[in-house]
Protein backbone atom coordinates (compact mmCIF):
# COMPACT_ATOMS: atom_id res chain seq x y z
CA UNK A 1 79.55 106.28 142.70
CA UNK A 2 79.63 102.85 142.40
CA UNK A 3 78.68 101.31 139.09
CA UNK A 4 79.21 97.25 139.30
CA UNK A 5 77.24 96.67 142.74
CA UNK A 6 75.07 97.96 145.23
CA UNK A 7 74.32 97.83 149.36
CA UNK A 8 70.61 96.95 149.62
CA UNK A 9 68.61 100.42 150.55
CA UNK A 10 67.11 99.90 154.21
CA UNK A 11 68.32 98.52 157.08
CA UNK A 12 67.13 94.98 157.15
CA UNK A 13 66.76 94.90 160.78
CA UNK A 14 64.81 97.21 161.93
CA UNK A 15 61.42 97.46 164.08
CA UNK A 16 58.57 99.24 163.10
CA UNK A 17 56.76 101.36 165.39
CA UNK A 18 53.05 100.34 165.74
CA UNK A 19 51.03 101.51 162.56
CA UNK A 20 54.35 102.15 160.61
CA UNK A 21 56.06 99.59 157.90
CA UNK A 22 59.71 98.73 157.44
CA UNK A 23 61.47 100.63 155.12
CA UNK A 24 61.58 98.08 151.74
CA UNK A 25 65.79 96.83 151.53
CA UNK A 26 66.38 97.64 147.55
CA UNK A 27 69.56 97.42 145.39
CA UNK A 28 71.10 95.87 142.03
CA UNK A 29 72.32 92.59 142.38
CA UNK A 30 73.59 89.81 140.20
CA UNK A 31 72.22 86.59 141.34
CA UNK A 32 69.81 84.47 138.74
CA UNK A 33 66.60 86.06 139.31
CA UNK A 34 65.55 82.70 140.09
CA UNK A 35 67.92 82.33 142.77
CA UNK A 36 66.76 85.36 143.71
CA UNK A 37 63.06 84.74 144.50
CA UNK A 38 63.86 81.78 146.15
CA UNK A 39 64.27 83.73 149.38
CA UNK A 40 61.83 84.44 151.20
CA UNK A 41 61.89 88.09 151.60
CA UNK A 42 62.13 88.48 147.95
CA UNK A 43 58.77 91.14 146.86
CA UNK A 44 60.24 91.37 143.71
CA UNK A 45 63.27 91.03 140.92
CA UNK A 46 63.15 93.05 138.01
CA UNK A 47 65.77 92.37 135.18
CA UNK A 48 66.67 94.30 131.89
CA UNK A 49 67.60 93.72 128.39
CA UNK A 50 66.27 92.64 124.71
CA UNK A 51 66.95 88.75 125.43
CA UNK A 52 64.04 86.82 126.23
CA UNK A 53 63.83 85.53 129.02
CA UNK A 54 61.65 82.96 131.21
CA UNK A 55 58.27 83.86 132.50
CA UNK A 56 58.78 83.56 137.12
CA UNK A 57 56.22 84.90 139.91
CA UNK A 58 57.85 87.99 140.88
CA UNK A 59 59.73 88.70 138.01
CA UNK A 60 59.20 91.92 135.76
CA UNK A 61 61.93 92.28 132.26
CA UNK A 62 62.19 95.24 131.15
CA UNK A 63 62.75 95.39 127.20
CA UNK A 64 65.42 97.88 127.69
CA UNK A 65 69.33 97.59 126.66
CA UNK A 66 71.63 97.60 129.65
CA UNK A 67 74.35 99.66 128.87
CA UNK A 68 76.57 98.30 131.39
CA UNK A 69 78.55 95.70 130.36
CA UNK A 70 77.67 93.58 133.88
CA UNK A 71 74.69 92.14 133.53
CA UNK A 72 72.71 93.06 136.72
CA UNK A 73 68.73 92.90 138.08
CA UNK A 74 67.43 95.01 140.75
CA UNK A 75 65.36 93.19 143.77
CA UNK A 76 62.99 94.42 145.97
CA UNK A 77 63.12 92.88 149.64
CA UNK A 78 60.52 93.27 151.88
CA UNK A 79 59.21 90.94 155.50
CA UNK A 80 60.03 87.25 155.25
CA UNK A 81 57.36 84.86 153.66
CA UNK A 82 56.72 86.72 150.10
CA UNK A 83 53.66 85.14 148.71
CA UNK A 84 52.76 85.45 144.61
CA UNK A 85 49.49 85.85 142.60
CA UNK A 86 48.43 85.92 139.78
CA UNK A 87 44.76 87.65 139.10
CA UNK A 88 43.99 87.39 135.77
CA UNK A 89 46.69 88.62 133.50
CA UNK A 90 47.86 90.94 136.80
CA UNK A 91 50.83 89.10 138.86
CA UNK A 92 51.55 90.36 142.22
CA UNK A 93 53.94 89.69 145.47
CA UNK A 94 53.25 90.70 148.92
CA UNK A 95 54.38 90.63 152.19
CA UNK A 96 51.41 91.98 153.78
CA UNK A 97 52.68 95.22 153.70
CA UNK A 98 54.01 95.57 150.20
CA UNK A 99 52.64 94.50 147.68
CA UNK A 100 54.79 94.46 143.94
CA UNK A 101 52.38 94.16 140.72
CA UNK A 102 53.15 93.99 137.15
CA UNK A 103 50.51 94.02 134.07
CA UNK A 104 50.93 93.35 130.45
CA UNK A 105 48.46 94.78 127.79
CA UNK A 106 49.20 93.78 124.01
CA UNK A 107 48.30 97.31 122.25
CA UNK A 108 45.98 94.96 119.71
CA UNK A 109 43.99 94.06 121.95
CA UNK A 110 42.41 97.32 122.48
CA UNK A 111 42.88 99.36 119.60
CA UNK A 112 46.18 101.48 120.19
CA UNK A 113 48.23 102.66 122.80
CA UNK A 114 44.99 105.20 123.88
CA UNK A 115 42.78 102.33 125.25
CA UNK A 116 45.34 99.91 126.02
CA UNK A 117 46.11 102.55 128.97
CA UNK A 118 43.26 102.95 129.80
CA UNK A 119 42.25 99.42 130.22
CA UNK A 120 45.69 98.79 132.12
CA UNK A 121 44.55 102.06 134.42
CA UNK A 122 41.28 100.41 135.15
CA UNK A 123 43.10 97.12 136.23
CA UNK A 124 44.44 99.24 138.54
CA UNK A 125 41.89 101.26 139.79
CA UNK A 126 39.90 97.70 140.47
CA UNK A 127 42.66 96.20 141.99
CA UNK A 128 43.69 99.11 144.50
CA UNK A 129 39.50 98.40 145.44
CA UNK A 130 39.95 95.24 146.50
CA UNK A 131 43.72 94.73 147.60
CA UNK A 132 44.94 95.22 151.27
CA UNK A 133 47.95 97.02 149.95
CA UNK A 134 46.07 99.57 148.22
CA UNK A 135 47.76 102.59 148.64
CA UNK A 136 50.16 103.33 145.47
CA UNK A 137 53.26 104.86 145.96
CA UNK A 138 55.17 104.18 142.59
CA UNK A 139 54.34 103.06 138.92
CA UNK A 140 56.48 102.39 135.84
CA UNK A 141 55.10 102.30 132.38
CA UNK A 142 57.32 101.30 129.40
CA UNK A 143 55.63 101.57 125.99
CA UNK A 144 57.57 101.07 122.41
CA UNK A 145 57.91 104.44 119.93
CA UNK A 146 57.03 106.61 122.76
CA UNK A 147 58.06 109.79 120.35
CA UNK A 148 56.16 108.59 116.96
CA UNK A 149 53.44 110.74 115.91
CA UNK A 150 52.61 114.72 115.53
CA UNK A 151 50.62 116.94 117.96
CA UNK A 152 47.88 115.16 120.04
CA UNK A 153 48.61 112.12 118.34
CA UNK A 154 51.91 111.35 119.57
CA UNK A 155 51.90 108.34 121.04
CA UNK A 156 53.03 110.00 124.70
CA UNK A 157 50.49 111.66 124.49
CA UNK A 158 47.84 109.25 123.73
CA UNK A 159 48.86 107.39 126.87
CA UNK A 160 48.41 110.25 128.77
CA UNK A 161 45.11 110.86 127.41
CA UNK A 162 44.07 107.15 128.46
CA UNK A 163 46.07 106.74 131.56
CA UNK A 164 43.62 109.59 132.93
CA UNK A 165 40.64 107.98 131.69
CA UNK A 166 41.49 105.07 133.35
CA UNK A 167 42.57 106.85 136.70
CA UNK A 168 38.56 108.13 136.92
CA UNK A 169 38.63 109.12 140.80
CA UNK A 170 41.45 106.97 141.80
CA UNK A 171 44.28 109.76 142.66
CA UNK A 172 41.77 111.63 144.70
CA UNK A 173 44.33 111.88 147.66
CA UNK A 174 47.33 112.51 145.21
CA UNK A 175 49.19 110.87 142.02
CA UNK A 176 51.84 108.68 143.02
CA UNK A 177 55.03 109.06 141.78
CA UNK A 178 55.81 107.20 137.97
CA UNK A 179 57.36 106.90 135.15
CA UNK A 180 57.28 106.51 131.32
CA UNK A 181 59.85 105.58 129.45
CA UNK A 182 59.56 104.15 125.81
CA UNK A 183 61.30 101.20 124.41
CA UNK A 184 62.22 99.93 120.89
CA UNK A 185 61.56 96.47 120.71
CA UNK A 186 58.58 97.63 118.33
CA UNK A 187 56.73 95.29 120.64
CA UNK A 188 53.50 97.58 120.99
CA UNK A 189 52.43 95.99 124.38
CA UNK A 190 52.29 98.33 127.12
CA UNK A 191 54.21 97.02 130.59
CA UNK A 192 53.20 98.82 133.57
CA UNK A 193 54.37 97.65 137.33
CA UNK A 194 53.30 99.09 140.40
CA UNK A 195 54.30 99.57 144.08
CA UNK A 196 51.21 99.57 147.33
CA UNK A 197 51.28 99.59 150.64
CA UNK A 198 48.67 98.97 153.11
CA UNK A 199 49.50 102.54 154.24
CA UNK A 200 49.66 105.48 152.26
CA UNK A 201 52.79 107.81 151.42
CA UNK A 202 53.06 111.31 151.12
CA UNK A 203 52.95 112.92 147.57
CA UNK A 204 56.17 115.57 147.29
CA UNK A 205 56.44 118.04 144.54
CA UNK A 206 59.44 119.87 143.21
CA UNK A 207 59.84 124.15 144.15
CA UNK A 208 61.67 124.01 140.49
CA UNK A 209 59.12 122.42 138.07
CA UNK A 210 55.53 122.75 137.51
CA UNK A 211 53.47 119.82 139.17
CA UNK A 212 53.01 117.70 135.53
CA UNK A 213 48.71 117.35 136.03
CA UNK A 214 49.05 121.14 135.94
CA UNK A 215 51.24 121.36 132.33
CA UNK A 216 49.17 123.55 130.26
CA UNK A 217 47.46 122.26 126.90
CA UNK A 218 50.64 122.43 124.30
CA UNK A 219 51.61 119.13 125.72
CA UNK A 220 48.46 117.05 125.30
CA UNK A 221 44.88 116.61 125.69
CA UNK A 222 45.38 115.57 128.85
CA UNK A 223 48.00 116.01 131.82
CA UNK A 224 50.93 113.73 132.32
CA UNK A 225 48.93 112.22 136.25
CA UNK A 226 52.09 111.79 138.76
CA UNK A 227 53.63 113.43 141.43
CA UNK A 228 57.50 113.63 141.50
CA UNK A 229 57.60 111.82 144.29
CA UNK A 230 56.41 110.02 147.32
CA UNK A 231 57.98 109.35 150.36
CA UNK A 232 57.55 106.07 151.52
CA UNK A 233 54.95 105.10 155.26
CA UNK A 234 57.92 103.61 157.01
CA UNK A 235 59.41 104.35 160.29
CA UNK A 236 62.19 105.49 158.43
CA UNK A 237 61.04 106.68 155.11
CA UNK A 238 61.94 106.04 151.42
CA UNK A 239 61.49 108.74 148.46
CA UNK A 240 60.79 107.22 145.69
CA UNK A 241 61.87 109.50 142.79
CA UNK A 242 60.02 110.47 139.55
CA UNK A 243 61.02 110.43 136.19
CA UNK A 244 63.46 113.60 136.33
CA UNK A 245 64.78 115.53 133.58
CA UNK A 246 65.86 118.89 132.23
CA UNK A 247 62.10 120.97 133.09
CA UNK A 248 62.50 124.26 134.69
CA UNK A 249 58.89 125.14 135.43
CA UNK A 250 57.06 123.21 132.42
CA UNK A 251 59.54 123.58 129.60
CA UNK A 252 62.78 121.47 128.51
CA UNK A 253 65.72 123.07 128.70
CA UNK A 254 69.15 122.35 127.07
CA UNK A 255 67.57 121.22 124.01
CA UNK A 256 69.37 118.01 122.88
CA UNK A 257 72.29 118.67 125.12
CA UNK A 258 73.16 115.43 127.34
CA UNK A 259 75.16 116.85 129.67
CA UNK A 260 73.71 120.65 130.20
CA UNK A 261 70.78 118.24 130.36
CA UNK A 262 72.13 115.77 133.30
CA UNK A 263 73.70 118.95 135.23
CA UNK A 264 69.78 120.65 134.93
CA UNK A 265 68.31 116.78 136.04
CA UNK A 266 70.45 117.00 138.71
CA UNK A 267 69.38 119.82 140.29
CA UNK A 268 65.70 119.09 140.54
CA UNK A 269 66.58 116.03 142.50
CA UNK A 270 68.65 118.78 144.92
CA UNK A 271 65.48 121.14 144.52
CA UNK A 272 62.93 118.03 145.16
CA UNK A 273 64.75 116.57 147.95
CA UNK A 274 64.83 119.97 149.74
CA UNK A 275 68.86 120.69 148.26
CA UNK A 276 70.72 119.35 151.89
CA UNK A 277 69.45 115.39 151.23
CA UNK A 278 72.44 113.60 149.88
CA UNK A 279 72.45 110.67 147.80
CA UNK A 280 74.46 107.53 149.17
CA UNK A 281 75.47 103.68 148.80
CA UNK A 282 72.05 103.51 150.42
CA UNK A 283 70.02 104.87 147.39
CA UNK A 284 69.95 103.65 144.07
CA UNK A 285 68.99 105.41 140.13
CA UNK A 286 68.50 104.28 137.21
CA UNK A 287 69.52 106.94 134.03
CA UNK A 288 67.75 106.21 130.93
CA UNK A 289 69.65 107.46 127.99
CA UNK A 290 68.66 108.04 124.23
CA UNK A 291 71.98 107.90 122.94
CA UNK A 292 74.46 105.31 124.11
CA UNK A 293 77.01 107.53 122.98
CA UNK A 294 76.31 110.02 125.52
CA UNK A 295 77.07 106.53 128.27
CA UNK A 296 80.15 107.62 129.42
CA UNK A 297 80.06 111.30 129.29
CA UNK A 298 77.17 111.03 131.72
CA UNK A 299 79.14 107.72 133.74
CA UNK A 300 81.91 110.39 134.53
CA UNK A 301 79.84 113.24 135.54
CA UNK A 302 77.87 110.91 138.04
CA UNK A 303 80.93 109.72 138.96
CA UNK A 304 81.74 113.22 140.02
CA UNK A 305 78.38 113.84 141.73
CA UNK A 306 77.06 110.85 143.33
CA UNK A 307 80.09 109.16 143.74
CA UNK A 308 79.58 105.71 145.48
CA UNK A 309 75.24 106.06 144.69
CA UNK A 310 75.03 102.71 142.54
CA UNK A 311 73.29 103.58 138.90
CA UNK A 312 72.12 101.69 136.64
CA UNK A 313 72.69 102.77 132.87
CA UNK A 314 69.75 101.91 130.29
CA UNK A 315 69.76 102.77 126.72
CA UNK A 316 65.40 104.83 126.92
CA UNK A 317 63.76 106.86 125.32
CA UNK A 318 62.04 110.30 127.18
CA UNK A 319 58.83 111.05 126.78
CA UNK A 320 59.62 114.64 124.97
CA UNK A 321 62.01 114.15 122.02
CA UNK A 322 63.96 116.89 123.01
CA UNK A 323 65.07 115.13 126.31
CA UNK A 324 68.51 112.55 125.94
CA UNK A 325 68.62 111.05 129.67
CA UNK A 326 65.98 110.98 132.19
CA UNK A 327 66.91 109.82 135.84
CA UNK A 328 64.60 107.82 138.70
CA UNK A 329 65.36 106.04 141.60
CA UNK A 330 65.31 105.23 146.11
CA UNK A 331 66.27 107.76 147.84
CA UNK A 332 67.65 106.35 151.20
CA UNK A 333 68.69 108.90 154.09
CA UNK A 334 70.23 106.83 156.08
């Protein structure tokens, strides 16, 4: 497993078949966001950390502490000729095949996390009606204090209820892949960004896990609406992996045991990808850890299991309080 640098995922020279898209090239890099965004094929740059950063078209900053010492950004590359723009508060970049869009919604302007989520997903729904690249493949959600509150008053459950209300009939053909992670910034702003394409992808489910939208009532008034993964509509498909944790069926396993949860999570990833799909240098993963003291143990196990796969460790809270680790990422088989 490679921790310090990465090779972007995808083939920069592949030619799409008629009706198919080229695979995005995705990787961790160390150049400045401004320098990267000056390149004509850069669709989006994602930065991480608690330091304030300047707003740039195509740049999204996630307020999660990066546990690795080397500052890296996540870079999504498409075709040359990327354009940037804004529709109100919504910021977007497109290459004509894919669109990357971002939205920040202040909870104080909507009466809490639930209404803020409803508003954010209503904006997404309106955007999907108008955009040529309207097929949403992958969504990321970041919110403060995700586990605060008891029972149905927990902020994550409130977020799920608001998300479901805002979606309405948006994803009748299948939910996109998604992640929801908690920040610790005391900044009550829902941060939402997503990847969409002009062709639909294929949602995937994990045989070891109950589909999230079928979770029983014990997890809240509305189940989480997302697929376990999404296979891209590219000639050489990528798999966009949702936030994956130590859940089997619908039940959390190995409460508060980080290493056992990591092993269970890796089994879920193996199951999701069919058991024989191997991660490698052309894939990449983000690992969210609730406790920074688990970083060395997690890093060592990932080196053992994933070898040269680029990994970024971030300090973030998982949607269930007993879960200490979650993984998402992009899998490329070539």
